[in-house]
C-alpha atoms as a PDB file:
ATOM      1  CA  UNK A   1     110.871  98.050 265.408  1.00  0.00           C
ATOM      2  CA  UNK A   2     113.122  95.357 266.939  1.00  0.00           C
ATOM      3  CA  UNK A   3     115.810  96.068 264.383  1.00  0.00           C
ATOM      4  CA  UNK A   4     115.704  99.835 265.021  1.00  0.00           C
ATOM      5  CA  UNK A   5     115.914  99.532 268.795  1.00  0.00           C
ATOM      6  CA  UNK A   6     118.869  97.149 268.708  1.00  0.00           C
ATOM      7  CA  UNK A   7     120.824  99.285 266.222  1.00  0.00           C
ATOM      8  CA  UNK A   8     120.202 102.418 268.276  1.00  0.00           C
ATOM      9  CA  UNK A   9     121.375 100.492 271.351  1.00  0.00           C
ATOM     10  CA  UNK A  10     124.623  99.633 269.620  1.00  0.00           C
ATOM     11  CA  UNK A  11     125.204 103.264 268.627  1.00  0.00           C
ATOM     12  CA  UNK A  12     124.480 104.656 272.071  1.00  0.00           C
ATOM     13  CA  UNK A  13     126.553 101.929 273.709  1.00  0.00           C
ATOM     14  CA  UNK A  14     129.720 102.967 271.833  1.00  0.00           C
ATOM     15  CA  UNK A  15     131.811 106.109 272.134  1.00  0.00           C
ATOM     16  CA  UNK A  16     130.849 109.356 270.461  1.00  0.00           C
ATOM     17  CA  UNK A  17     133.237 109.556 267.571  1.00  0.00           C
ATOM     18  CA  UNK A  18     132.626 113.141 266.566  1.00  0.00           C
ATOM     19  CA  UNK A  19     134.803 114.547 269.355  1.00  0.00           C
ATOM     20  CA  UNK A  20     138.500 114.118 269.962  1.00  0.00           C
ATOM     21  CA  UNK A  21     139.578 112.975 273.457  1.00  0.00           C
ATOM     22  CA  UNK A  22     140.601 115.686 275.860  1.00  0.00           C
ATOM     23  CA  UNK A  23     144.124 114.312 276.182  1.00  0.00           C
ATOM     24  CA  UNK A  24     145.117 112.885 272.839  1.00  0.00           C
ATOM     25  CA  UNK A  25     148.582 112.368 271.467  1.00  0.00           C
ATOM     26  CA  UNK A  26     150.163 114.968 269.277  1.00  0.00           C
ATOM     27  CA  UNK A  27     150.468 112.201 266.639  1.00  0.00           C
ATOM     28  CA  UNK A  28     147.505 113.052 264.436  1.00  0.00           C
ATOM     29  CA  UNK A  29     148.006 109.943 262.367  1.00  0.00           C
ATOM     30  CA  UNK A  30     147.703 107.685 265.419  1.00  0.00           C
ATOM     31  CA  UNK A  31     144.505 109.413 266.506  1.00  0.00           C
ATOM     32  CA  UNK A  32     142.832 109.059 263.118  1.00  0.00           C
ATOM     33  CA  UNK A  33     143.933 105.443 262.948  1.00  0.00           C
ATOM     34  CA  UNK A  34     142.210 104.738 266.279  1.00  0.00           C
ATOM     35  CA  UNK A  35     139.064 106.501 265.110  1.00  0.00           C
ATOM     36  CA  UNK A  36     139.044 104.470 261.892  1.00  0.00           C
ATOM     37  CA  UNK A  37     139.465 101.200 263.779  1.00  0.00           C
ATOM     38  CA  UNK A  38     136.529 102.067 266.043  1.00  0.00           C
ATOM     39  CA  UNK A  39     134.376 102.897 263.033  1.00  0.00           C
ATOM     40  CA  UNK A  40     135.250  99.555 261.446  1.00  0.00           C
ATOM     41  CA  UNK A  41     134.463  97.738 264.726  1.00  0.00           C
ATOM     42  CA  UNK A  42     131.083  99.476 265.018  1.00  0.00           C
ATOM     43  CA  UNK A  43     130.256  98.664 261.412  1.00  0.00           C
ATOM     44  CA  UNK A  44     131.050  95.002 261.962  1.00  0.00           C
ATOM     45  CA  UNK A  45     129.010  94.949 265.180  1.00  0.00           C
ATOM     46  CA  UNK A  46     126.153  96.608 263.329  1.00  0.00           C
ATOM     47  CA  UNK A  47     126.231  93.929 260.624  1.00  0.00           C
ATOM     48  CA  UNK A  48     126.297  91.141 263.208  1.00  0.00           C
ATOM     49  CA  UNK A  49     123.365  92.699 265.075  1.00  0.00           C
ATOM     50  CA  UNK A  50     121.411  93.025 261.825  1.00  0.00           C
ATOM     51  CA  UNK A  51     121.986  89.345 261.053  1.00  0.00           C
ATOM     52  CA  UNK A  52     120.913  88.316 264.558  1.00  0.00           C
ATOM     53  CA  UNK A  53     117.739  90.378 264.238  1.00  0.00           C
ATOM     54  CA  UNK A  54     116.977  88.798 260.865  1.00  0.00           C
ATOM     55  CA  UNK A  55     117.471  85.344 262.381  1.00  0.00           C
ATOM     56  CA  UNK A  56     115.080  86.181 265.229  1.00  0.00           C
ATOM     57  CA  UNK A  57     112.489  87.451 262.770  1.00  0.00           C
ATOM     58  CA  UNK A  58     112.781  84.241 260.732  1.00  0.00           C
ATOM     59  CA  UNK A  59     112.353  82.206 263.910  1.00  0.00           C
ATOM     60  CA  UNK A  60     109.267  84.163 264.928  1.00  0.00           C
ATOM     61  CA  UNK A  61     107.793  83.767 261.478  1.00  0.00           C
ATOM     62  CA  UNK A  62     108.358  80.021 261.636  1.00  0.00           C
ATOM     63  CA  UNK A  63     106.520  79.832 264.972  1.00  0.00           C
ATOM     64  CA  UNK A  64     103.480  81.755 263.758  1.00  0.00           C
ATOM     65  CA  UNK A  65     103.220  80.345 260.226  1.00  0.00           C
ATOM     66  CA  UNK A  66     101.956  76.784 259.978  1.00  0.00           C
ATOM     67  CA  UNK A  67     103.527  74.486 257.454  1.00  0.00           C
ATOM     68  CA  UNK A  68     101.240  72.842 254.869  1.00  0.00           C
ATOM     69  CA  UNK A  69     101.526  69.597 256.874  1.00  0.00           C
ATOM     70  CA  UNK A  70     100.306  71.263 260.081  1.00  0.00           C
ATOM     71  CA  UNK A  71      97.497  72.987 258.203  1.00  0.00           C
ATOM     72  CA  UNK A  72      96.121  69.651 256.948  1.00  0.00           C
ATOM     73  CA  UNK A  73      92.511  69.131 257.976  1.00  0.00           C
ATOM     74  CA  UNK A  74      91.725  66.354 260.432  1.00  0.00           C
ATOM     75  CA  UNK A  75      89.052  63.739 259.816  1.00  0.00           C
ATOM     76  CA  UNK A  76      86.729  61.586 261.883  1.00  0.00           C
ATOM     77  CA  UNK A  77      85.402  58.064 261.575  1.00  0.00           C
ATOM     78  CA  UNK A  78      83.367  55.574 263.601  1.00  0.00           C
ATOM     79  CA  UNK A  79      85.100  52.566 265.096  1.00  0.00           C
ATOM     80  CA  UNK A  80      82.220  50.120 264.868  1.00  0.00           C
ATOM     81  CA  UNK A  81      82.058  47.291 267.409  1.00  0.00           C
ATOM     82  CA  UNK A  82      84.640  48.772 269.809  1.00  0.00           C
ATOM     83  CA  UNK A  83      84.467  51.101 272.822  1.00  0.00           C
ATOM     84  CA  UNK A  84      87.793  52.804 272.093  1.00  0.00           C
ATOM     85  CA  UNK A  85      89.729  53.977 269.048  1.00  0.00           C
ATOM     86  CA  UNK A  86      92.614  52.092 267.421  1.00  0.00           C
ATOM     87  CA  UNK A  87      96.013  52.508 269.040  1.00  0.00           C
ATOM     88  CA  UNK A  88      97.635  54.282 266.087  1.00  0.00           C
ATOM     89  CA  UNK A  89      99.573  57.543 265.883  1.00  0.00           C
ATOM     90  CA  UNK A  90      97.525  60.787 265.988  1.00  0.00           C
ATOM     91  CA  UNK A  91      94.167  58.988 266.467  1.00  0.00           C
ATOM     92  CA  UNK A  92      92.158  59.633 269.639  1.00  0.00           C
ATOM     93  CA  UNK A  93      88.664  59.091 271.068  1.00  0.00           C
ATOM     94  CA  UNK A  94      86.074  61.854 270.781  1.00  0.00           C
ATOM     95  CA  UNK A  95      83.338  59.839 272.495  1.00  0.00           C
ATOM     96  CA  UNK A  96      82.189  56.269 273.061  1.00  0.00           C
ATOM     97  CA  UNK A  97      78.668  54.969 272.720  1.00  0.00           C
ATOM     98  CA  UNK A  98      76.381  52.368 271.262  1.00  0.00           C
ATOM     99  CA  UNK A  99      75.193  51.767 267.732  1.00  0.00           C
ATOM    100  CA  UNK A 100      71.659  52.939 267.036  1.00  0.00           C
ATOM    101  CA  UNK A 101      69.351  52.543 264.070  1.00  0.00           C
ATOM    102  CA  UNK A 102      65.801  52.051 262.931  1.00  0.00           C
ATOM    103  CA  UNK A 103      63.901  48.856 263.709  1.00  0.00           C
ATOM    104  CA  UNK A 104      64.652  46.115 261.214  1.00  0.00           C
ATOM    105  CA  UNK A 105      60.949  45.832 260.256  1.00  0.00           C
ATOM    106  CA  UNK A 106      60.259  49.562 259.872  1.00  0.00           C
ATOM    107  CA  UNK A 107      60.233  50.982 256.370  1.00  0.00           C
ATOM    108  CA  UNK A 108      61.098  54.472 257.623  1.00  0.00           C
ATOM    109  CA  UNK A 109      64.201  53.336 259.451  1.00  0.00           C
ATOM    110  CA  UNK A 110      67.434  55.316 259.048  1.00  0.00           C
ATOM    111  CA  UNK A 111      71.094  54.348 258.783  1.00  0.00           C
ATOM    112  CA  UNK A 112      73.312  53.134 261.592  1.00  0.00           C
ATOM    113  CA  UNK A 113      74.644  55.892 263.864  1.00  0.00           C
ATOM    114  CA  UNK A 114      76.973  56.032 266.870  1.00  0.00           C
ATOM    115  CA  UNK A 115      74.996  57.366 269.856  1.00  0.00           C
ATOM    116  CA  UNK A 116      77.005  58.802 272.789  1.00  0.00           C
ATOM    117  CA  UNK A 117      76.792  57.286 276.271  1.00  0.00           C
ATOM    118  CA  UNK A 118      76.050  60.698 277.790  1.00  0.00           C
ATOM    119  CA  UNK A 119      73.079  62.086 275.823  1.00  0.00           C
ATOM    120  CA  UNK A 120      71.615  65.514 276.528  1.00  0.00           C
ATOM    121  CA  UNK A 121      68.157  66.750 275.576  1.00  0.00           C
ATOM    122  CA  UNK A 122      66.581  70.037 274.588  1.00  0.00           C
ATOM    123  CA  UNK A 123      62.796  70.394 274.858  1.00  0.00           C
ATOM    124  CA  UNK A 124      61.051  67.046 274.657  1.00  0.00           C
ATOM    125  CA  UNK A 125      57.961  65.030 275.517  1.00  0.00           C
ATOM    126  CA  UNK A 126      58.457  61.611 277.089  1.00  0.00           C
ATOM    127  CA  UNK A 127      55.195  60.305 275.628  1.00  0.00           C
ATOM    128  CA  UNK A 128      55.616  57.506 273.058  1.00  0.00           C
ATOM    129  CA  UNK A 129      54.249  59.153 269.895  1.00  0.00           C
ATOM    130  CA  UNK A 130      53.566  57.397 266.623  1.00  0.00           C
ATOM    131  CA  UNK A 131      54.330  60.410 264.435  1.00  0.00           C
ATOM    132  CA  UNK A 132      58.062  60.205 265.065  1.00  0.00           C
ATOM    133  CA  UNK A 133      61.159  58.527 263.705  1.00  0.00           C
ATOM    134  CA  UNK A 134      62.093  55.788 266.163  1.00  0.00           C
ATOM    135  CA  UNK A 135      65.644  54.998 267.261  1.00  0.00           C
ATOM    136  CA  UNK A 136      66.627  51.575 268.581  1.00  0.00           C
ATOM    137  CA  UNK A 137      69.767  49.960 269.835  1.00  0.00           C
ATOM    138  CA  UNK A 138      71.571  47.523 267.560  1.00  0.00           C
ATOM    139  CA  UNK A 139      72.282  43.837 268.153  1.00  0.00           C
ATOM    140  CA  UNK A 140      74.716  41.410 266.571  1.00  0.00           C
ATOM    141  CA  UNK A 141      73.115  38.713 264.402  1.00  0.00           C
ATOM    142  CA  UNK A 142      76.175  36.497 263.997  1.00  0.00           C
ATOM    143  CA  UNK A 143      74.885  33.096 265.089  1.00  0.00           C
ATOM    144  CA  UNK A 144      75.599  31.392 261.741  1.00  0.00           C
ATOM    145  CA  UNK A 145      78.769  33.323 260.855  1.00  0.00           C
ATOM    146  CA  UNK A 146      82.287  31.831 260.643  1.00  0.00           C
ATOM    147  CA  UNK A 147      83.452  34.235 263.396  1.00  0.00           C
ATOM    148  CA  UNK A 148      81.960  36.383 266.181  1.00  0.00           C
ATOM    149  CA  UNK A 149      79.273  33.821 267.008  1.00  0.00           C
ATOM    150  CA  UNK A 150      79.794  34.526 270.711  1.00  0.00           C
ATOM    151  CA  UNK A 151      78.356  38.031 270.191  1.00  0.00           C
ATOM    152  CA  UNK A 152      74.920  36.862 269.026  1.00  0.00           C
ATOM    153  CA  UNK A 153      72.148  39.124 270.433  1.00  0.00           C
ATOM    154  CA  UNK A 154      74.577  41.375 272.320  1.00  0.00           C
ATOM    155  CA  UNK A 155      74.359  45.134 271.775  1.00  0.00           C
ATOM    156  CA  UNK A 156      76.954  46.763 269.536  1.00  0.00           C
ATOM    157  CA  UNK A 157      79.314  49.453 270.933  1.00  0.00           C
ATOM    158  CA  UNK A 158      81.059  52.165 268.949  1.00  0.00           C
ATOM    159  CA  UNK A 159      83.561  54.995 269.292  1.00  0.00           C
ATOM    160  CA  UNK A 160      83.942  58.157 267.239  1.00  0.00           C
ATOM    161  CA  UNK A 161      87.608  58.805 266.495  1.00  0.00           C
ATOM    162  CA  UNK A 162      89.603  61.896 265.555  1.00  0.00           C
ATOM    163  CA  UNK A 163      92.412  61.308 263.063  1.00  0.00           C
ATOM    164  CA  UNK A 164      94.591  64.422 263.395  1.00  0.00           C
ATOM    165  CA  UNK A 165      96.013  65.774 260.138  1.00  0.00           C
ATOM    166  CA  UNK A 166      94.918  62.586 258.355  1.00  0.00           C
ATOM    167  CA  UNK A 167      92.469  61.654 255.619  1.00  0.00           C
ATOM    168  CA  UNK A 168      90.562  58.433 256.300  1.00  0.00           C
ATOM    169  CA  UNK A 169      88.827  55.972 254.010  1.00  0.00           C
ATOM    170  CA  UNK A 170      86.826  52.771 254.466  1.00  0.00           C
ATOM    171  CA  UNK A 171      87.532  50.182 251.777  1.00  0.00           C
ATOM    172  CA  UNK A 172      85.053  47.320 251.417  1.00  0.00           C
ATOM    173  CA  UNK A 173      86.391  43.981 250.216  1.00  0.00           C
ATOM    174  CA  UNK A 174      89.970  44.480 251.476  1.00  0.00           C
ATOM    175  CA  UNK A 175      91.965  43.242 254.474  1.00  0.00           C
ATOM    176  CA  UNK A 176      94.870  45.653 253.915  1.00  0.00           C
ATOM    177  CA  UNK A 177      95.397  49.224 252.748  1.00  0.00           C
ATOM    178  CA  UNK A 178      96.829  50.305 249.427  1.00  0.00           C
ATOM    179  CA  UNK A 179     100.354  51.692 249.125  1.00  0.00           C
ATOM    180  CA  UNK A 180     100.768  55.046 250.851  1.00  0.00           C
ATOM    181  CA  UNK A 181      97.943  54.363 253.328  1.00  0.00           C
ATOM    182  CA  UNK A 182      98.143  53.200 256.949  1.00  0.00           C
ATOM    183  CA  UNK A 183      95.671  50.790 258.548  1.00  0.00           C
ATOM    184  CA  UNK A 184      93.490  52.188 261.315  1.00  0.00           C
ATOM    185  CA  UNK A 185      91.640  48.896 261.766  1.00  0.00           C
ATOM    186  CA  UNK A 186      90.452  45.861 259.814  1.00  0.00           C
ATOM    187  CA  UNK A 187      87.204  43.960 260.058  1.00  0.00           C
ATOM    188  CA  UNK A 188      84.080  42.645 258.370  1.00  0.00           C
ATOM    189  CA  UNK A 189      81.515  44.469 256.254  1.00  0.00           C
ATOM    190  CA  UNK A 190      78.182  44.465 258.077  1.00  0.00           C
ATOM    191  CA  UNK A 191      74.686  45.515 257.073  1.00  0.00           C
ATOM    192  CA  UNK A 192      71.019  44.728 257.514  1.00  0.00           C
ATOM    193  CA  UNK A 193      69.508  41.370 256.517  1.00  0.00           C
ATOM    194  CA  UNK A 194      68.922  41.241 252.758  1.00  0.00           C
ATOM    195  CA  UNK A 195      65.129  41.094 253.190  1.00  0.00           C
ATOM    196  CA  UNK A 196      65.031  43.998 255.655  1.00  0.00           C
ATOM    197  CA  UNK A 197      65.186  47.697 254.971  1.00  0.00           C
ATOM    198  CA  UNK A 198      68.604  48.889 253.872  1.00  0.00           C
ATOM    199  CA  UNK A 199      70.567  50.888 256.465  1.00  0.00           C
ATOM    200  CA  UNK A 200      73.854  51.016 254.598  1.00  0.00           C
ATOM    201  CA  UNK A 201      77.081  49.207 255.381  1.00  0.00           C
ATOM    202  CA  UNK A 202      79.550  49.615 258.235  1.00  0.00           C
ATOM    203  CA  UNK A 203      83.037  48.214 258.851  1.00  0.00           C
ATOM    204  CA  UNK A 204      82.936  46.196 262.090  1.00  0.00           C
ATOM    205  CA  UNK A 205      86.270  45.562 263.824  1.00  0.00           C
ATOM    206  CA  UNK A 206      87.281  41.890 263.502  1.00  0.00           C
ATOM    207  CA  UNK A 207      87.875  41.891 267.275  1.00  0.00           C
ATOM    208  CA  UNK A 208      84.441  43.345 268.056  1.00  0.00           C
ATOM    209  CA  UNK A 209      83.172  43.332 271.623  1.00  0.00           C
ATOM    210  CA  UNK A 210      79.782  43.630 273.311  1.00  0.00           C
ATOM    211  CA  UNK A 211      78.453  46.905 274.677  1.00  0.00           C
ATOM    212  CA  UNK A 212      77.768  45.283 278.068  1.00  0.00           C
ATOM    213  CA  UNK A 213      76.959  41.868 279.531  1.00  0.00           C
ATOM    214  CA  UNK A 214      73.297  42.032 278.480  1.00  0.00           C
ATOM    215  CA  UNK A 215      72.123  39.575 275.821  1.00  0.00           C
ATOM    216  CA  UNK A 216      68.369  39.955 275.573  1.00  0.00           C
ATOM    217  CA  UNK A 217      67.516  39.246 271.911  1.00  0.00           C
ATOM    218  CA  UNK A 218      65.467  42.456 271.913  1.00  0.00           C
ATOM    219  CA  UNK A 219      66.162  43.063 268.239  1.00  0.00           C
ATOM    220  CA  UNK A 220      65.455  46.667 267.228  1.00  0.00           C
ATOM    221  CA  UNK A 221      68.216  47.405 264.730  1.00  0.00           C
ATOM    222  CA  UNK A 222      70.383  44.426 263.803  1.00  0.00           C
ATOM    223  CA  UNK A 223      73.590  43.848 261.845  1.00  0.00           C
ATOM    224  CA  UNK A 224      74.601  40.854 259.747  1.00  0.00           C
ATOM    225  CA  UNK A 225      77.754  39.877 257.912  1.00  0.00           C
ATOM    226  CA  UNK A 226      77.728  40.696 254.215  1.00  0.00           C
ATOM    227  CA  UNK A 227      78.553  38.132 251.539  1.00  0.00           C
ATOM    228  CA  UNK A 228      78.941  38.495 247.800  1.00  0.00           C
ATOM    229  CA  UNK A 229      76.513  37.224 245.180  1.00  0.00           C
ATOM    230  CA  UNK A 230      77.980  36.642 241.749  1.00  0.00           C
ATOM    231  CA  UNK A 231      76.301  37.935 238.625  1.00  0.00           C
ATOM    232  CA  UNK A 232      76.430  41.686 238.378  1.00  0.00           C
ATOM    233  CA  UNK A 233      79.171  41.349 240.994  1.00  0.00           C
ATOM    234  CA  UNK A 234      82.075  39.955 238.974  1.00  0.00           C
ATOM    235  CA  UNK A 235      83.473  36.598 240.101  1.00  0.00           C
ATOM    236  CA  UNK A 236      86.392  36.373 239.996  1.00  0.00           C
ATOM    237  CA  UNK A 237      87.850  38.390 241.590  1.00  0.00           C
ATOM    238  CA  UNK A 238      84.995  38.093 244.129  1.00  0.00           C
ATOM    239  CA  UNK A 239      83.813  34.748 245.534  1.00  0.00           C
ATOM    240  CA  UNK A 240      80.176  33.772 245.665  1.00  0.00           C
ATOM    241  CA  UNK A 241      78.946  33.391 249.255  1.00  0.00           C
ATOM    242  CA  UNK A 242      82.201  34.558 250.873  1.00  0.00           C
ATOM    243  CA  UNK A 243      81.886  37.040 253.741  1.00  0.00           C
ATOM    244  CA  UNK A 244      83.367  40.383 252.743  1.00  0.00           C
ATOM    245  CA  UNK A 245      86.156  41.988 254.759  1.00  0.00           C
ATOM    246  CA  UNK A 246      86.820  45.695 255.088  1.00  0.00           C
ATOM    247  CA  UNK A 247      89.559  48.017 256.260  1.00  0.00           C
ATOM    248  CA  UNK A 248      89.732  51.632 257.435  1.00  0.00           C
ATOM    249  CA  UNK A 249      92.861  53.392 256.201  1.00  0.00           C
ATOM    250  CA  UNK A 250      94.482  56.786 256.704  1.00  0.00           C
ATOM    251  CA  UNK A 251      97.088  58.905 254.956  1.00  0.00           C
ATOM    252  CA  UNK A 252      98.980  62.103 255.713  1.00  0.00           C
ATOM    253  CA  UNK A 253     100.132  62.724 252.136  1.00  0.00           C
END
């Protein structure tokens, strides 16, 4: 439609070539020459207009059609031990909160989760019922660790992060990412005490902070550093008794 309107505009904007001027020279050759030149001019203008229209259409198509890079799905991850997300390109905070989990002595306890600081409820009863799954806050148990001893018995914060147009991956046992991947953050592999119920492993930022100034040793869910035990775990390359690192990486490829 755009092409048709512009071409019609060019035609109506020029002179009507089917009629001779009222006062034209008696030189027929000169008249026909002028008519021919005008036809050539209009044809050239027509071609230029057609090219401009095509360029506009290509531009519009480029604005409405996403490239494969822009169509890449985003991903999310939890930044364990921190209230904000890493300061890296295209990563932003969805929400901040505190780490929750089942009580360390309860056999029905679930995995660690990041609970938001602004919870909302549907229908509920505020009576403490036994026939429920129970959620607790999570404390650091780092008193005998080589680092983070100052966080002992403090509650653990967390932040859920959006990595736009990136794929993310947590790698246990590494302090750096593999080629082609970018570091989101690096830390230590944490989990429940080896005699407690398993809640899985999380990657705690090496610069972890406390949720607030409260240090009550209230237990609930707890996290410990994770160290390797040789045998079925091959040593080398792993080291018996060494605390395991971890890294969260991203890629746009």
